């Protein structure tokens, strides 16, 4: 559902879907993920698919901003979600819009510099 609506041709509809997904994800990230579970990875996967499929630079920018916000606000709780997050950043690294590439690079750089221990413990 979020993938189809997130790639909608009406920009307002697509942005609403991505923002709704962000709000849900933030709620899920408030809770610790149990060991050997990949629930975070699963509910963050629509961000990956929309990032890959959306033609709208505004949607791709919103996704990078959403993930940046999630990392800053909930870094202590991210476990399996790192996989989907880095899949988004990897996709953004090959984007045709230099602003998207730069935003993703800046976010990854901040994660590595300030939160590397959280990545390596998962």
Foldseek 3Di string as FASTA:
>chain_A
DLLDQLQDPPPVSNLVSLVVLLVVLLVVLVDADDPPDQVLCVSLQSLLNSCQPHPDPVSLVVSLVSVLVSCVVRVQRDDNNVVSLVSSLVSQCPDPDVVSNVSSVVSVVCCCVPPVVSHVVD
